[in-house]
Amino acid sequence: MEDTPGSFRRKRLPVASAPNRAQQDWLEQRRDELRRALVPTPGPEANREIMLLIASKANFGADAQELTTKVGFYAQALAGEPTWAIERARLRFRQPGWRCLWDGKGCPSDTDVVAECRYETLPIETELARIEAILGAELYDTGATDDDRANAVAHWETVKAEMRGESVITEQTEDEISAERASMARANDRFRERARAEAEAQCRGQAMWGRLPISDELARQIGLRVPIPADHEEEVH
């Protein structure tokens, strides 16, 4: 995606690289799932996780009233966090591996717990921001060919797979993974065959981007040299 002139918040996306209707439906569904995962859930379940955290770090024989009061203070600080994030933060504090600045002594402060929760929700917030940028992008036409569109489809399937892989909420099934791989393989095969046929028809090699064969038009768009037929090279020399 590209920055939109005059609007740093909105991105631009070539029409050839834009998701189709089915892909957009998937993105919208995924966006809604991620938004639900980030909804704060203060209440009894969150308080239970806070109590478990504080009780596990409290000195033997700690006063029940003191614990209850402390839970109240923590609950107020964590009112903007989802319960699942509080639970994961609590589990991380049980052994080395937490990511906030807690020194490991006594009980983590409410600030430490909030910071650890933010580390837990960060991957979801990042994925959500990427999806919303795609859905809200301004589309523009580049005059792309079918080859470019086939390449964009293969790239999109890779991006979608990465988005799923980043999620800490759901994972792909084997059937979904197989279907995505098959779709990517078909798009790549179709693209390579067209590029190969084009090169053979002109008695020359294919344009390459690293190890990936690409169309002449795409090569020109990204500033790469397009191979010329051998007889043309002889004329040049």
Protein backbone atom coordinates (compact mmCIF):
# COMPACT_ATOMS: atom_id res chain seq x y z
CA MET A 1 0.00 0.00 0.00
CA GLU A 2 1.02 3.60 -0.59
CA ASP A 3 0.49 6.85 1.28
CA THR A 4 -2.33 9.06 0.01
CA PRO A 5 -1.14 12.58 -0.90
CA GLY A 6 -2.57 15.06 1.60
CA SER A 7 -3.84 12.34 3.98
CA PHE A 8 -1.32 10.47 6.10
CA ARG A 9 -4.07 8.36 7.68
CA ARG A 10 -5.45 6.84 4.47
CA LYS A 11 -3.58 4.48 2.14
CA ARG A 12 -3.81 3.93 -1.63
CA LEU A 13 -4.04 0.53 -3.27
CA PRO A 14 -3.88 -0.46 -6.96
CA VAL A 15 -7.13 -1.99 -8.20
CA ALA A 16 -5.19 -5.05 -9.35
CA SER A 17 -3.97 -5.65 -5.79
CA ALA A 18 -7.30 -5.01 -4.09
CA PRO A 19 -9.16 -7.94 -2.46
CA ASN A 20 -12.08 -9.36 -4.41
CA ARG A 21 -15.58 -9.68 -2.94
CA ALA A 22 -14.89 -12.96 -1.15
CA GLN A 23 -11.61 -11.69 0.24
CA GLN A 24 -13.22 -8.46 1.38
CA ASP A 25 -15.94 -10.45 3.16
CA TRP A 26 -13.22 -12.44 4.94
CA LEU A 27 -11.42 -9.24 5.93
CA GLU A 28 -14.59 -7.68 7.31
CA GLN A 29 -15.37 -10.83 9.30
CA ARG A 30 -11.83 -10.95 10.62
CA ARG A 31 -11.95 -7.25 11.52
CA ASP A 32 -15.11 -7.82 13.54
CA GLU A 33 -13.54 -10.80 15.35
CA LEU A 34 -10.50 -8.76 16.32
CA ARG A 35 -12.60 -5.83 17.48
CA ARG A 36 -14.61 -8.15 19.72
CA ALA A 37 -11.41 -9.62 21.15
CA LEU A 38 -10.25 -6.15 22.21
CA VAL A 39 -13.47 -5.12 23.96
CA PRO A 40 -12.81 -4.38 27.67
CA THR A 41 -14.61 -6.83 29.97
CA PRO A 42 -14.52 -5.53 33.56
CA GLY A 43 -16.54 -7.61 35.99
CA PRO A 44 -16.47 -10.80 38.07
CA GLU A 45 -14.30 -12.84 35.67
CA ALA A 46 -11.69 -10.12 35.39
CA ASN A 47 -11.74 -9.65 39.18
CA ARG A 48 -11.21 -13.39 39.62
CA GLU A 49 -8.05 -13.25 37.50
CA ILE A 50 -6.83 -10.24 39.48
CA MET A 51 -7.50 -12.04 42.76
CA LEU A 52 -5.57 -15.09 41.57
CA LEU A 53 -2.63 -12.88 40.63
CA ILE A 54 -2.54 -10.95 43.89
CA ALA A 55 -3.17 -14.01 46.07
CA SER A 56 -0.32 -15.91 44.40
CA LYS A 57 2.10 -13.10 45.31
CA ALA A 58 0.69 -12.26 48.76
CA ASN A 59 2.49 -13.16 51.96
CA PHE A 60 1.18 -16.14 53.91
CA GLY A 61 -1.74 -15.15 56.13
CA ALA A 62 -2.58 -11.94 54.25
CA ASP A 63 -5.77 -10.26 55.47
CA ALA A 64 -8.83 -11.00 53.29
CA GLN A 65 -10.08 -7.43 53.52
CA GLU A 66 -6.72 -6.14 52.39
CA LEU A 67 -6.78 -8.47 49.38
CA THR A 68 -10.30 -7.38 48.45
CA THR A 69 -9.34 -3.72 48.62
CA LYS A 70 -6.28 -4.34 46.49
CA VAL A 71 -8.35 -6.22 43.91
CA GLY A 72 -10.58 -3.16 43.67
CA PHE A 73 -7.66 -0.85 42.93
CA TYR A 74 -6.29 -3.23 40.28
CA ALA A 75 -9.75 -3.70 38.73
CA GLN A 76 -10.07 0.04 38.30
CA ALA A 77 -6.69 0.24 36.53
CA LEU A 78 -7.50 -2.76 34.31
CA ALA A 79 -11.05 -1.70 33.41
CA GLY A 80 -9.95 -1.04 29.83
CA GLU A 81 -8.50 -4.51 29.24
CA PRO A 82 -10.15 -7.75 28.06
CA THR A 83 -10.25 -10.57 30.62
CA TRP A 84 -8.28 -12.98 28.40
CA ALA A 85 -5.35 -10.52 28.35
CA ILE A 86 -5.40 -10.23 32.16
CA GLU A 87 -5.34 -14.01 32.41
CA ARG A 88 -2.37 -14.33 30.06
CA ALA A 89 -0.51 -11.60 31.94
CA ARG A 90 -1.15 -13.46 35.21
CA LEU A 91 0.24 -16.67 33.73
CA ARG A 92 3.33 -14.91 32.43
CA PHE A 93 4.07 -13.50 35.90
CA ARG A 94 4.23 -17.04 37.29
CA GLN A 95 7.66 -17.62 35.76
CA PRO A 96 10.40 -15.60 34.00
CA GLY A 97 9.27 -14.41 30.58
CA TRP A 98 7.10 -11.35 31.27
CA ARG A 99 7.82 -8.33 29.07
CA CYS A 100 6.96 -5.33 31.25
CA LEU A 101 9.45 -3.64 33.61
CA TRP A 102 8.45 -5.55 36.77
CA ASP A 103 11.59 -6.50 38.73
CA GLY A 104 10.17 -9.86 39.85
CA LYS A 105 9.92 -8.87 43.50
CA GLY A 106 6.67 -8.99 45.45
CA CYS A 107 3.49 -8.50 43.49
CA PRO A 108 3.44 -6.72 40.11
CA SER A 109 1.89 -3.26 40.43
CA ASP A 110 -1.33 -2.41 38.64
CA THR A 111 0.81 -0.45 36.15
CA ASP A 112 2.92 -3.56 35.50
CA VAL A 113 -0.18 -5.66 34.85
CA VAL A 114 -1.64 -3.07 32.48
CA ALA A 115 1.66 -2.93 30.57
CA GLU A 116 1.77 -6.73 30.30
CA CYS A 117 -1.82 -6.78 29.03
CA ARG A 118 -0.85 -4.27 26.34
CA TYR A 119 1.89 -6.60 25.18
CA GLU A 120 -0.72 -9.35 24.88
CA THR A 121 -3.15 -7.25 22.85
CA LEU A 122 -0.51 -5.62 20.63
CA PRO A 123 -0.46 -8.36 17.92
CA ILE A 124 -4.24 -8.15 17.59
CA GLU A 125 -4.18 -4.35 17.43
CA THR A 126 -1.46 -4.53 14.76
CA GLU A 127 -3.41 -7.00 12.62
CA LEU A 128 -6.59 -4.97 13.04
CA ALA A 129 -4.81 -1.81 11.89
CA ARG A 130 -3.54 -3.59 8.77
CA ILE A 131 -6.99 -4.92 7.90
CA GLU A 132 -8.67 -1.57 8.44
CA ALA A 133 -6.04 0.11 6.25
CA ILE A 134 -6.79 -2.34 3.43
CA LEU A 135 -10.55 -1.98 3.75
CA GLY A 136 -10.34 1.80 3.87
CA ALA A 137 -7.73 2.21 1.13
CA GLU A 138 -8.36 4.47 -1.85
CA LEU A 139 -8.28 2.35 -5.03
CA TYR A 140 -6.67 3.52 -8.27
CA ASP A 141 -6.21 1.92 -11.67
CA THR A 142 -2.69 1.25 -13.00
CA GLY A 143 -3.75 -0.45 -16.22
CA ALA A 144 -2.46 -3.79 -14.92
CA THR A 145 -2.53 -6.88 -17.15
CA ASP A 146 -3.96 -10.32 -16.35
CA ASP A 147 -0.43 -11.44 -15.48
CA ASP A 148 -0.14 -8.69 -12.90
CA ARG A 149 -3.52 -9.58 -11.45
CA ALA A 150 -2.56 -13.26 -11.18
CA ASN A 151 0.62 -12.25 -9.36
CA ALA A 152 -1.40 -9.99 -7.06
CA VAL A 153 -3.77 -12.87 -6.22
CA ALA A 154 -0.85 -15.06 -5.22
CA HIS A 155 0.60 -12.24 -3.12
CA TRP A 156 -2.76 -11.54 -1.47
CA GLU A 157 -3.16 -15.18 -0.42
CA THR A 158 0.26 -14.98 1.22
CA VAL A 159 -0.71 -11.77 3.07
CA LYS A 160 -3.97 -13.34 4.24
CA ALA A 161 -2.12 -16.42 5.50
CA GLU A 162 0.29 -14.17 7.42
CA MET A 163 -2.63 -12.27 8.97
CA ARG A 164 -4.13 -15.50 10.21
CA GLY A 165 -0.75 -16.67 11.46
CA GLU A 166 -0.33 -13.51 13.57
CA SER A 167 -3.59 -14.04 15.41
CA VAL A 168 -3.56 -15.27 18.97
CA ILE A 169 -7.31 -15.91 18.82
CA THR A 170 -7.81 -18.42 16.00
CA GLU A 171 -5.73 -20.72 13.84
CA GLN A 172 -6.28 -22.07 10.33
CA THR A 173 -7.55 -25.59 9.85
CA GLU A 174 -5.66 -28.05 7.66
CA ASP A 175 -8.39 -27.74 5.01
CA GLU A 176 -8.05 -23.94 4.95
CA ILE A 177 -4.26 -24.18 4.67
CA SER A 178 -4.52 -26.71 1.82
CA ALA A 179 -7.09 -24.61 -0.04
CA GLU A 180 -4.93 -21.49 0.24
CA ARG A 181 -1.81 -23.32 -0.93
CA ALA A 182 -3.69 -24.79 -3.90
CA SER A 183 -5.04 -21.35 -4.87
CA MET A 184 -1.59 -19.80 -4.64
CA ALA A 185 -0.05 -22.62 -6.67
CA ARG A 186 -2.68 -22.30 -9.43
CA ALA A 187 -2.18 -18.53 -9.67
CA ASN A 188 1.61 -18.87 -9.74
CA ASP A 189 1.51 -21.65 -12.38
CA ARG A 190 -0.82 -19.62 -14.60
CA PHE A 191 1.37 -16.57 -14.25
CA ARG A 192 4.63 -18.44 -15.02
CA GLU A 193 3.13 -20.19 -18.03
CA ARG A 194 1.97 -16.92 -19.58
CA ALA A 195 5.32 -15.25 -19.00
CA ARG A 196 7.16 -18.28 -20.42
CA ALA A 197 4.95 -18.39 -23.53
CA GLU A 198 5.45 -14.66 -24.10
CA ALA A 199 9.22 -15.04 -23.87
CA GLU A 200 9.30 -18.11 -26.16
CA ALA A 201 7.17 -16.34 -28.78
CA GLN A 202 9.81 -13.60 -28.95
CA CYS A 203 12.77 -16.03 -28.82
CA ARG A 204 14.23 -14.55 -25.67
CA GLY A 205 14.55 -15.14 -21.94
CA GLN A 206 12.01 -14.10 -19.30
CA ALA A 207 12.17 -11.01 -17.13
CA MET A 208 13.05 -12.02 -13.59
CA TRP A 209 12.56 -10.46 -10.14
CA GLY A 210 15.05 -12.38 -8.04
CA ARG A 211 14.08 -15.98 -8.78
CA LEU A 212 10.50 -15.11 -9.75
CA PRO A 213 9.62 -14.75 -13.46
CA ILE A 214 7.51 -11.66 -14.08
CA SER A 215 5.75 -10.06 -17.05
CA ASP A 216 7.45 -7.48 -19.25
CA GLU A 217 4.99 -4.77 -18.20
CA LEU A 218 5.54 -5.40 -14.50
CA ALA A 219 9.30 -5.42 -15.04
CA ARG A 220 9.11 -2.01 -16.71
CA GLN A 221 6.89 -0.63 -13.94
CA ILE A 222 9.42 -1.53 -11.26
CA GLY A 223 12.42 -0.40 -13.31
CA LEU A 224 13.91 -3.77 -14.32
CA ARG A 225 15.53 -4.53 -17.68
CA VAL A 226 13.37 -6.56 -20.07
CA PRO A 227 15.36 -9.22 -22.03
CA ILE A 228 15.43 -8.68 -25.80
CA PRO A 229 15.61 -11.35 -28.53
CA ALA A 230 19.07 -12.61 -29.44
CA ASP A 231 18.83 -11.33 -33.03
CA HIS A 232 18.04 -7.83 -31.69
CA GLU A 233 21.13 -7.98 -29.48
CA GLU A 234 23.26 -8.81 -32.54
CA GLU A 235 21.79 -5.80 -34.36
CA VAL A 236 22.64 -3.58 -31.40
CA HIS A 237 26.25 -4.79 -31.36
